[in-house]
C-alpha atoms as a PDB file:
ATOM      1  CA  MET A   1       0.038   0.004   0.063  1.00  0.00           C
ATOM      2  CA  HIS A   2       2.889   2.325  -0.603  1.00  0.00           C
ATOM      3  CA  MET A   3       0.706   4.180  -3.068  1.00  0.00           C
ATOM      4  CA  LEU A   4      -1.239   5.760  -0.116  1.00  0.00           C
ATOM      5  CA  LYS A   5       1.926   7.871   0.790  1.00  0.00           C
ATOM      6  CA  TYR A   6       0.926   9.953  -2.250  1.00  0.00           C
ATOM      7  CA  ALA A   7      -1.393  12.929  -1.511  1.00  0.00           C
ATOM      8  CA  PHE A   8      -3.201  12.376  -4.763  1.00  0.00           C
ATOM      9  CA  MET A   9      -3.979   8.684  -3.779  1.00  0.00           C
ATOM     10  CA  GLN A  10      -5.333   9.627  -0.340  1.00  0.00           C
ATOM     11  CA  ASN A  11      -7.655  12.312  -1.879  1.00  0.00           C
ATOM     12  CA  ALA A  12      -8.860   9.780  -4.495  1.00  0.00           C
ATOM     13  CA  LEU A  13      -9.502   7.267  -1.845  1.00  0.00           C
ATOM     14  CA  PHE A  14     -11.459   9.640   0.460  1.00  0.00           C
ATOM     15  CA  VAL A  15     -13.674  10.519  -2.554  1.00  0.00           C
ATOM     16  CA  SER A  16     -13.993   6.897  -3.618  1.00  0.00           C
ATOM     17  CA  VAL A  17     -15.275   6.099  -0.093  1.00  0.00           C
ATOM     18  CA  CYS A  18     -17.817   8.862  -0.306  1.00  0.00           C
ATOM     19  CA  ILE A  19     -19.390   7.781  -3.580  1.00  0.00           C
ATOM     20  CA  SER A  20     -19.348   4.039  -2.715  1.00  0.00           C
ATOM     21  CA  ILE A  21     -21.921   5.140  -0.066  1.00  0.00           C
ATOM     22  CA  LEU A  22     -23.817   7.763  -2.092  1.00  0.00           C
ATOM     23  CA  CYS A  23     -24.317   6.033  -5.388  1.00  0.00           C
ATOM     24  CA  PRO A  24     -26.097   3.099  -4.441  1.00  0.00           C
ATOM     25  CA  CYS A  25     -28.212   4.919  -1.915  1.00  0.00           C
ATOM     26  CA  ILE A  26     -29.366   7.050  -4.935  1.00  0.00           C
ATOM     27  CA  GLY A  27     -29.218   4.077  -7.385  1.00  0.00           C
ATOM     28  CA  ILE A  28     -31.458   1.705  -5.535  1.00  0.00           C
ATOM     29  CA  PHE A  29     -34.485   4.151  -5.973  1.00  0.00           C
ATOM     30  CA  LEU A  30     -33.656   4.589  -9.628  1.00  0.00           C
ATOM     31  CA  VAL A  31     -33.510   1.012 -10.297  1.00  0.00           C
ATOM     32  CA  LEU A  32     -36.818   0.142  -8.410  1.00  0.00           C
ATOM     33  CA  ARG A  33     -38.547   2.938 -10.356  1.00  0.00           C
ATOM     34  CA  ARG A  34     -37.179   1.624 -13.542  1.00  0.00           C
ATOM     35  CA  ASN A  35     -35.392   4.841 -14.255  1.00  0.00           C
ATOM     36  CA  SER A  36     -31.808   3.728 -14.106  1.00  0.00           C
ATOM     37  CA  MET A  37     -31.201   5.379 -17.621  1.00  0.00           C
ATOM     38  CA  ILE A  38     -31.858   8.661 -16.139  1.00  0.00           C
ATOM     39  CA  SER A  39     -28.368   8.506 -14.442  1.00  0.00           C
ATOM     40  CA  ASP A  40     -26.699   7.881 -17.723  1.00  0.00           C
ATOM     41  CA  THR A  41     -28.517  10.825 -19.182  1.00  0.00           C
ATOM     42  CA  LEU A  42     -27.623  12.994 -16.205  1.00  0.00           C
ATOM     43  CA  SER A  43     -24.061  11.827 -16.269  1.00  0.00           C
ATOM     44  CA  HIS A  44     -23.810  13.505 -19.623  1.00  0.00           C
ATOM     45  CA  ALA A  45     -25.400  16.609 -18.368  1.00  0.00           C
ATOM     46  CA  SER A  46     -22.643  16.835 -15.860  1.00  0.00           C
ATOM     47  CA  LEU A  47     -20.099  17.052 -18.732  1.00  0.00           C
ATOM     48  CA  ALA A  48     -22.024  20.257 -19.863  1.00  0.00           C
ATOM     49  CA  GLY A  49     -21.900  21.508 -16.251  1.00  0.00           C
ATOM     50  CA  VAL A  50     -18.151  20.908 -16.047  1.00  0.00           C
ATOM     51  CA  THR A  51     -17.479  22.767 -19.291  1.00  0.00           C
ATOM     52  CA  ILE A  52     -19.804  25.538 -18.226  1.00  0.00           C
ATOM     53  CA  GLY A  53     -17.859  25.651 -14.862  1.00  0.00           C
ATOM     54  CA  LEU A  54     -14.478  25.791 -16.630  1.00  0.00           C
ATOM     55  CA  LEU A  55     -15.645  28.206 -19.031  1.00  0.00           C
ATOM     56  CA  ALA A  56     -16.756  30.361 -16.129  1.00  0.00           C
ATOM     57  CA  LYS A  57     -13.438  29.801 -14.250  1.00  0.00           C
ATOM     58  CA  GLN A  58     -15.558  28.229 -11.398  1.00  0.00           C
ATOM     59  CA  ASN A  59     -15.102  24.871  -9.707  1.00  0.00           C
ATOM     60  CA  PRO A  60     -16.176  22.210 -12.244  1.00  0.00           C
ATOM     61  CA  ILE A  61     -17.862  20.064  -9.724  1.00  0.00           C
ATOM     62  CA  LEU A  62     -20.067  22.833  -8.674  1.00  0.00           C
ATOM     63  CA  GLY A  63     -20.755  23.677 -12.239  1.00  0.00           C
ATOM     64  CA  ALA A  64     -21.640  19.888 -12.864  1.00  0.00           C
ATOM     65  CA  PHE A  65     -23.948  20.124  -9.735  1.00  0.00           C
ATOM     66  CA  VAL A  66     -25.788  23.233 -10.786  1.00  0.00           C
ATOM     67  CA  PHE A  67     -26.353  22.091 -14.350  1.00  0.00           C
ATOM     68  CA  THR A  68     -27.225  18.545 -13.588  1.00  0.00           C
ATOM     69  CA  SER A  69     -29.803  19.610 -10.973  1.00  0.00           C
ATOM     70  CA  ILE A  70     -31.410  21.902 -13.595  1.00  0.00           C
ATOM     71  CA  CYS A  71     -31.465  18.968 -16.140  1.00  0.00           C
ATOM     72  CA  GLY A  72     -32.977  16.662 -13.425  1.00  0.00           C
ATOM     73  CA  ALA A  73     -35.715  19.197 -12.597  1.00  0.00           C
ATOM     74  CA  LEU A  74     -36.329  19.612 -16.341  1.00  0.00           C
ATOM     75  CA  ILE A  75     -36.753  15.707 -16.504  1.00  0.00           C
ATOM     76  CA  GLU A  76     -39.633  15.844 -13.878  1.00  0.00           C
ATOM     77  CA  TYR A  77     -41.130  18.797 -15.494  1.00  0.00           C
ATOM     78  CA  LEU A  78     -41.392  17.299 -18.861  1.00  0.00           C
ATOM     79  CA  ARG A  79     -42.986  14.298 -17.425  1.00  0.00           C
ATOM     80  CA  SER A  80     -46.230  16.126 -17.580  1.00  0.00           C
ATOM     81  CA  TYR A  81     -45.948  16.634 -21.184  1.00  0.00           C
ATOM     82  CA  PHE A  82     -44.672  13.125 -22.279  1.00  0.00           C
ATOM     83  CA  ARG A  83     -46.410  10.833 -20.009  1.00  0.00           C
ATOM     84  CA  LYS A  84     -46.726   7.972 -22.549  1.00  0.00           C
ATOM     85  CA  TYR A  85     -43.236   8.765 -24.088  1.00  0.00           C
ATOM     86  CA  THR A  86     -40.972   9.089 -21.235  1.00  0.00           C
ATOM     87  CA  ASP A  87     -38.001   7.906 -23.354  1.00  0.00           C
ATOM     88  CA  LEU A  88     -38.297  11.183 -25.419  1.00  0.00           C
ATOM     89  CA  ILE A  89     -37.684  13.096 -22.329  1.00  0.00           C
ATOM     90  CA  LEU A  90     -34.317  11.504 -21.618  1.00  0.00           C
ATOM     91  CA  THR A  91     -33.413  12.206 -25.531  1.00  0.00           C
ATOM     92  CA  ILE A  92     -34.443  15.943 -25.132  1.00  0.00           C
ATOM     93  CA  VAL A  93     -32.163  16.346 -22.071  1.00  0.00           C
ATOM     94  CA  LEU A  94     -29.445  14.283 -23.558  1.00  0.00           C
ATOM     95  CA  SER A  95     -29.472  16.481 -26.600  1.00  0.00           C
ATOM     96  CA  LEU A  96     -29.267  19.675 -24.520  1.00  0.00           C
ATOM     97  CA  SER A  97     -26.432  18.421 -22.568  1.00  0.00           C
ATOM     98  CA  VAL A  98     -24.318  16.886 -25.300  1.00  0.00           C
ATOM     99  CA  GLY A  99     -25.033  19.825 -27.539  1.00  0.00           C
ATOM    100  CA  THR A 100     -23.839  22.131 -24.852  1.00  0.00           C
ATOM    101  CA  ALA A 101     -20.897  20.229 -23.837  1.00  0.00           C
ATOM    102  CA  ILE A 102     -19.790  19.742 -27.509  1.00  0.00           C
ATOM    103  CA  THR A 103     -20.489  23.471 -28.454  1.00  0.00           C
ATOM    104  CA  ILE A 104     -18.206  24.770 -25.570  1.00  0.00           C
ATOM    105  CA  ILE A 105     -15.387  22.325 -25.982  1.00  0.00           C
ATOM    106  CA  SER A 106     -15.171  22.970 -29.753  1.00  0.00           C
ATOM    107  CA  SER A 107     -15.363  26.692 -29.332  1.00  0.00           C
ATOM    108  CA  GLY A 108     -11.724  26.739 -28.218  1.00  0.00           C
ATOM    109  CA  LYS A 109     -12.386  29.050 -25.249  1.00  0.00           C
ATOM    110  CA  LEU A 110     -11.604  26.575 -22.493  1.00  0.00           C
ATOM    111  CA  ARG A 111      -8.267  26.962 -21.014  1.00  0.00           C
ATOM    112  CA  ALA A 112      -8.432  23.571 -19.228  1.00  0.00           C
ATOM    113  CA  SER A 113      -9.193  20.202 -20.669  1.00  0.00           C
ATOM    114  CA  ALA A 114     -12.477  18.229 -19.853  1.00  0.00           C
ATOM    115  CA  ASP A 115     -10.853  14.812 -20.666  1.00  0.00           C
ATOM    116  CA  ALA A 116     -10.146  14.033 -17.158  1.00  0.00           C
ATOM    117  CA  PHE A 117     -13.932  14.287 -16.357  1.00  0.00           C
ATOM    118  CA  MET A 118     -14.937  12.134 -19.364  1.00  0.00           C
ATOM    119  CA  PHE A 119     -12.641   9.259 -18.325  1.00  0.00           C
ATOM    120  CA  GLY A 120     -11.968   9.809 -14.613  1.00  0.00           C
ATOM    121  CA  SER A 121      -8.812  10.487 -13.041  1.00  0.00           C
ATOM    122  CA  ILE A 122      -7.076   9.987  -9.685  1.00  0.00           C
ATOM    123  CA  LEU A 123      -4.726  12.740 -10.306  1.00  0.00           C
ATOM    124  CA  THR A 124      -6.994  15.758 -10.606  1.00  0.00           C
ATOM    125  CA  VAL A 125      -8.876  15.404  -7.016  1.00  0.00           C
ATOM    126  CA  THR A 126      -8.102  18.765  -5.161  1.00  0.00           C
ATOM    127  CA  GLY A 127      -8.725  19.618  -1.461  1.00  0.00           C
ATOM    128  CA  PHE A 128     -11.707  21.716  -2.474  1.00  0.00           C
ATOM    129  CA  ASP A 129     -13.116  18.749  -4.336  1.00  0.00           C
ATOM    130  CA  MET A 130     -12.959  16.851  -1.307  1.00  0.00           C
ATOM    131  CA  VAL A 131     -14.877  19.200   0.750  1.00  0.00           C
ATOM    132  CA  MET A 132     -17.472  19.540  -2.042  1.00  0.00           C
ATOM    133  CA  VAL A 133     -17.911  15.712  -2.284  1.00  0.00           C
ATOM    134  CA  LEU A 134     -18.302  15.273   1.504  1.00  0.00           C
ATOM    135  CA  ALA A 135     -20.619  18.203   1.779  1.00  0.00           C
ATOM    136  CA  LEU A 136     -22.696  16.572  -1.289  1.00  0.00           C
ATOM    137  CA  THR A 137     -22.446  13.024   0.319  1.00  0.00           C
ATOM    138  CA  VAL A 138     -23.651  14.149   3.896  1.00  0.00           C
ATOM    139  CA  ALA A 139     -26.412  16.495   2.578  1.00  0.00           C
ATOM    140  CA  SER A 140     -27.874  13.719   0.354  1.00  0.00           C
ATOM    141  CA  VAL A 141     -27.713  10.978   2.993  1.00  0.00           C
ATOM    142  CA  LEU A 142     -29.448  13.013   5.418  1.00  0.00           C
ATOM    143  CA  ALA A 143     -32.005  13.925   2.879  1.00  0.00           C
ATOM    144  CA  LEU A 144     -32.459  10.307   2.063  1.00  0.00           C
ATOM    145  CA  VAL A 145     -32.799   9.363   5.807  1.00  0.00           C
ATOM    146  CA  LEU A 146     -35.528  12.103   6.299  1.00  0.00           C
ATOM    147  CA  LEU A 147     -37.403  11.255   3.167  1.00  0.00           C
ATOM    148  CA  TYR A 148     -36.815   7.317   3.397  1.00  0.00           C
ATOM    149  CA  HIS A 149     -40.319   6.096   3.902  1.00  0.00           C
ATOM    150  CA  GLN A 150     -41.867   8.545   1.290  1.00  0.00           C
ATOM    151  CA  MET A 151     -39.340   7.654  -1.286  1.00  0.00           C
ATOM    152  CA  VAL A 152     -39.809   3.830  -0.757  1.00  0.00           C
ATOM    153  CA  TYR A 153     -43.486   4.391  -1.051  1.00  0.00           C
ATOM    154  CA  ILE A 154     -43.128   6.248  -4.342  1.00  0.00           C
ATOM    155  CA  SER A 155     -40.668   3.666  -5.766  1.00  0.00           C
ATOM    156  CA  TYR A 156     -43.209   0.724  -5.419  1.00  0.00           C
ATOM    157  CA  ASP A 157     -46.385   2.629  -6.289  1.00  0.00           C
ATOM    158  CA  GLU A 158     -46.284   6.259  -7.078  1.00  0.00           C
ATOM    159  CA  GLU A 159     -50.086   6.684  -7.733  1.00  0.00           C
ATOM    160  CA  ALA A 160     -50.893   4.932  -4.373  1.00  0.00           C
ATOM    161  CA  ALA A 161     -48.468   7.351  -2.705  1.00  0.00           C
ATOM    162  CA  ARG A 162     -50.118  10.399  -4.278  1.00  0.00           C
ATOM    163  CA  ILE A 163     -53.439   9.122  -3.074  1.00  0.00           C
ATOM    164  CA  ALA A 164     -52.201   8.559   0.328  1.00  0.00           C
ATOM    165  CA  GLY A 165     -50.867  12.177   0.549  1.00  0.00           C
ATOM    166  CA  VAL A 166     -47.336  12.065  -0.328  1.00  0.00           C
ATOM    167  CA  LYS A 167     -46.038  14.948  -1.949  1.00  0.00           C
ATOM    168  CA  VAL A 168     -44.957  13.045  -4.859  1.00  0.00           C
ATOM    169  CA  GLY A 169     -44.170  16.044  -7.106  1.00  0.00           C
ATOM    170  CA  LEU A 170     -41.939  17.841  -4.539  1.00  0.00           C
ATOM    171  CA  ILE A 171     -40.117  14.638  -3.462  1.00  0.00           C
ATOM    172  CA  ASN A 172     -39.365  13.871  -7.133  1.00  0.00           C
ATOM    173  CA  TYR A 173     -37.570  17.201  -7.578  1.00  0.00           C
ATOM    174  CA  VAL A 174     -35.693  16.708  -4.428  1.00  0.00           C
ATOM    175  CA  PHE A 175     -34.795  13.338  -5.575  1.00  0.00           C
ATOM    176  CA  SER A 176     -33.603  14.876  -9.007  1.00  0.00           C
ATOM    177  CA  ILE A 177     -31.184  17.001  -6.983  1.00  0.00           C
ATOM    178  CA  LEU A 178     -30.053  14.152  -4.873  1.00  0.00           C
ATOM    179  CA  VAL A 179     -29.075  12.289  -8.218  1.00  0.00           C
ATOM    180  CA  ALA A 180     -27.230  15.335  -9.346  1.00  0.00           C
ATOM    181  CA  SER A 181     -25.359  15.206  -6.238  1.00  0.00           C
ATOM    182  CA  ALA A 182     -24.272  11.761  -6.652  1.00  0.00           C
ATOM    183  CA  ILE A 183     -23.280  12.303 -10.188  1.00  0.00           C
ATOM    184  CA  SER A 184     -21.475  15.441  -9.397  1.00  0.00           C
ATOM    185  CA  ALA A 185     -19.664  13.894  -6.451  1.00  0.00           C
ATOM    186  CA  SER A 186     -18.599  10.831  -8.611  1.00  0.00           C
ATOM    187  CA  ILE A 187     -17.353  12.495 -11.951  1.00  0.00           C
ATOM    188  CA  ARG A 188     -13.735  13.140 -10.835  1.00  0.00           C
ATOM    189  CA  ILE A 189     -12.961   9.431 -10.100  1.00  0.00           C
ATOM    190  CA  VAL A 190     -15.424   7.675 -12.273  1.00  0.00           C
ATOM    191  CA  GLY A 191     -15.967   9.799 -15.331  1.00  0.00           C
ATOM    192  CA  VAL A 192     -18.832  10.702 -17.425  1.00  0.00           C
ATOM    193  CA  LEU A 193     -18.951   7.776 -19.733  1.00  0.00           C
ATOM    194  CA  VAL A 194     -19.280   5.199 -17.279  1.00  0.00           C
ATOM    195  CA  LEU A 195     -20.766   7.044 -14.203  1.00  0.00           C
ATOM    196  CA  GLY A 196     -24.318   5.287 -14.714  1.00  0.00           C
ATOM    197  CA  SER A 197     -22.689   1.827 -14.068  1.00  0.00           C
ATOM    198  CA  MET A 198     -21.565   2.817 -10.731  1.00  0.00           C
ATOM    199  CA  ILE A 199     -25.113   3.969  -9.636  1.00  0.00           C
ATOM    200  CA  ALA A 200     -26.921   0.948 -11.206  1.00  0.00           C
ATOM    201  CA  LEU A 201     -24.727  -2.110 -11.297  1.00  0.00           C
ATOM    202  CA  PRO A 202     -24.050  -2.610  -7.324  1.00  0.00           C
ATOM    203  CA  VAL A 203     -27.923  -2.337  -7.034  1.00  0.00           C
ATOM    204  CA  ALA A 204     -28.276  -5.086  -9.820  1.00  0.00           C
ATOM    205  CA  THR A 205     -25.746  -7.269  -8.070  1.00  0.00           C
ATOM    206  CA  ALA A 206     -27.604  -6.862  -4.649  1.00  0.00           C
ATOM    207  CA  LEU A 207     -30.990  -7.638  -6.322  1.00  0.00           C
ATOM    208  CA  GLN A 208     -29.644 -11.199  -7.081  1.00  0.00           C
ATOM    209  CA  PHE A 209     -30.036 -12.135  -3.520  1.00  0.00           C
ATOM    210  CA  GLU A 210     -33.788 -11.519  -3.314  1.00  0.00           C
ATOM    211  CA  LYS A 211     -33.634  -9.776   0.127  1.00  0.00           C
ATOM    212  CA  GLY A 212     -35.799  -7.084   1.426  1.00  0.00           C
ATOM    213  CA  PHE A 213     -35.239  -3.369   0.608  1.00  0.00           C
ATOM    214  CA  ARG A 214     -32.887  -2.518   3.601  1.00  0.00           C
ATOM    215  CA  SER A 215     -30.938  -5.718   3.115  1.00  0.00           C
ATOM    216  CA  THR A 216     -30.410  -4.965  -0.706  1.00  0.00           C
ATOM    217  CA  LEU A 217     -29.467  -1.267   0.255  1.00  0.00           C
ATOM    218  CA  VAL A 218     -26.736  -2.668   2.414  1.00  0.00           C
ATOM    219  CA  LEU A 219     -25.581  -5.089  -0.119  1.00  0.00           C
ATOM    220  CA  SER A 220     -25.504  -2.535  -2.840  1.00  0.00           C
ATOM    221  CA  ILE A 221     -23.333  -0.245  -0.649  1.00  0.00           C
ATOM    222  CA  VAL A 222     -20.924  -3.207   0.154  1.00  0.00           C
ATOM    223  CA  PHE A 223     -20.694  -4.128  -3.526  1.00  0.00           C
ATOM    224  CA  SER A 224     -20.188  -0.659  -4.571  1.00  0.00           C
ATOM    225  CA  PHE A 225     -17.225  -0.298  -1.995  1.00  0.00           C
ATOM    226  CA  VAL A 226     -15.699  -3.567  -3.395  1.00  0.00           C
ATOM    227  CA  ASP A 227     -16.147  -2.365  -7.011  1.00  0.00           C
ATOM    228  CA  ILE A 228     -14.676   1.250  -6.577  1.00  0.00           C
ATOM    229  CA  MET A 229     -11.870   0.013  -4.313  1.00  0.00           C
ATOM    230  CA  VAL A 230     -10.644  -2.666  -6.746  1.00  0.00           C
ATOM    231  CA  GLY A 231     -11.081  -0.261  -9.485  1.00  0.00           C
ATOM    232  CA  LEU A 232      -9.105   2.543  -7.944  1.00  0.00           C
ATOM    233  CA  PHE A 233      -6.058   0.469  -6.814  1.00  0.00           C
ATOM    234  CA  ALA A 234      -5.863  -1.804  -9.876  1.00  0.00           C
ATOM    235  CA  SER A 235      -6.341   1.251 -12.200  1.00  0.00           C
ATOM    236  CA  TYR A 236      -3.172   2.830 -10.434  1.00  0.00           C
ATOM    237  CA  TYR A 237      -1.030  -0.171 -10.942  1.00  0.00           C
ATOM    238  CA  LEU A 238      -2.327  -0.953 -14.478  1.00  0.00           C
ATOM    239  CA  ASN A 239      -1.961   2.839 -15.247  1.00  0.00           C
ATOM    240  CA  VAL A 240      -5.323   3.085 -16.862  1.00  0.00           C
ATOM    241  CA  ALA A 241      -8.294   5.378 -16.126  1.00  0.00           C
ATOM    242  CA  PRO A 242     -10.170   4.321 -12.917  1.00  0.00           C
ATOM    243  CA  GLY A 243     -13.637   4.863 -14.225  1.00  0.00           C
ATOM    244  CA  GLY A 244     -13.308   2.432 -17.166  1.00  0.00           C
ATOM    245  CA  PHE A 245     -11.691  -0.250 -15.068  1.00  0.00           C
ATOM    246  CA  THR A 246     -14.293   0.173 -12.248  1.00  0.00           C
ATOM    247  CA  ALA A 247     -17.008  -0.378 -14.675  1.00  0.00           C
ATOM    248  CA  LEU A 248     -15.461  -3.566 -15.841  1.00  0.00           C
ATOM    249  CA  VAL A 249     -14.967  -4.711 -12.138  1.00  0.00           C
ATOM    250  CA  SER A 250     -18.752  -4.051 -11.583  1.00  0.00           C
ATOM    251  CA  VAL A 251     -19.787  -6.226 -14.451  1.00  0.00           C
ATOM    252  CA  ALA A 252     -17.469  -8.941 -13.535  1.00  0.00           C
ATOM    253  CA  VAL A 253     -18.640  -9.010  -9.997  1.00  0.00           C
ATOM    254  CA  LEU A 254     -22.385  -8.894 -11.203  1.00  0.00           C
ATOM    255  CA  PHE A 255     -21.789 -12.018 -13.440  1.00  0.00           C
ATOM    256  CA  LEU A 256     -19.689 -13.722 -10.733  1.00  0.00           C
ATOM    257  CA  VAL A 257     -22.629 -13.297  -8.063  1.00  0.00           C
ATOM    258  CA  MET A 258     -25.055 -14.497 -10.722  1.00  0.00           C
ATOM    259  CA  ALA A 259     -23.125 -17.704 -11.461  1.00  0.00           C
ATOM    260  CA  SER A 260     -22.360 -18.341  -7.869  1.00  0.00           C
ATOM    261  CA  LEU A 261     -25.987 -18.198  -6.797  1.00  0.00           C
ATOM    262  CA  ARG A 262     -27.076 -20.445  -9.761  1.00  0.00           C
ATOM    263  CA  VAL A 263     -24.412 -22.970  -8.976  1.00  0.00           C
ATOM    264  CA  THR A 264     -25.543 -22.781  -5.238  1.00  0.00           C
ATOM    265  CA  ALA A 265     -29.155 -23.246  -6.206  1.00  0.00           C
ATOM    266  CA  ARG A 266     -28.348 -26.270  -8.425  1.00  0.00           C
ATOM    267  CA  LEU A 267     -26.410 -27.813  -5.579  1.00  0.00           C
ATOM    268  CA  ARG A 268     -29.257 -27.258  -3.170  1.00  0.00           C
ATOM    269  CA  ASN A 269     -31.855 -28.816  -5.516  1.00  0.00           C
ATOM    270  CA  GLY A 270     -29.539 -31.709  -6.082  1.00  0.00           C
ATOM    271  CA  ALA A 271     -29.049 -32.331  -2.314  1.00  0.00           C
ATOM    272  CA  GLY A 272     -32.776 -32.205  -1.957  1.00  0.00           C
ATOM    273  CA  VAL A 273     -33.451 -34.623  -4.585  1.00  0.00           C
ATOM    274  CA  ASN A 274     -30.742 -37.235  -3.069  1.00  0.00           C
ATOM    275  CA  ALA A 275     -32.378 -36.659   0.403  1.00  0.00           C
END
C-alpha cells in the first residue's frame, strides 16, 4: 500500500469511499422505479456542467452539480408533457447536454481540458473537491434518511403514494437534485462515460440475493465499495483510467454473483433430490 503515501491517492481514496456510499443509496431508488437510464442521461449533463464551470473559471464539480440539478428538474417537469413517451424526455435532455458540452469544448475558449472528467482520473482530485464531495454526500444521505419512507412508497407505487397524501411532485424534484449530487460527487474519479454503471450495477448485483429493501441497500453499498476500491487500486498499478476499469469490475462482480447463486441453487436442488 505504498501508493497511499501520495497525497493524490489519499484524496482519491477519500472521494471513492464517499461515492461508494452515495451512489447505491441513489441507485436503488432509480432501479426500483425503472429509471436507471436517467443516471446515464444526467451523467452526460454533468459534462456540460463541467465545461460551463471551466468556461466561467469556477469549480467544475459545482458547475456539474448546478447544471445536472437543472436537467434533473427539467426531466421531472417534462414528465407531465410526455407521460406516454418517457424515453423522449431523456432524448431531449441528452441532446441539450451533449450539444452544450460539444459546443463549448469545440469553441476553443476552454483553458482547461475536460478529458479527465470524461474518463475519470485519480490525479485531478483537489482538496476543495474533497470538501465539495463530502458536503454533497452528507447532505444527500441526510435527505434520504428524512425522506426514506416516502421515497420507498413512491418507488413501489407512485399513484398509491399520491393518493395517500405523499407530496410526490416535490419529492421527485428533491430526488432529482440528489441524483445530481451523486453524479457530481463521482465525476472526478469515475468519469462521465461510465458513471451510470456505478449507480446501477451494485444495485443490480444486490438484487440477485432477493432480500428486503434495507438488506438490498446494505448489499448495494458493500458491492459498490468493493467495485470502486478494486477499480481504484488496480487502475493505479495498470496505469489506466479508474472509471473504465471500475465499470469492468462492476460487470465482473455482477456476473460472478449470478453464476455463484445459480451453482448454489443447483447444488441445493441436487441435495434435496438425493435426500
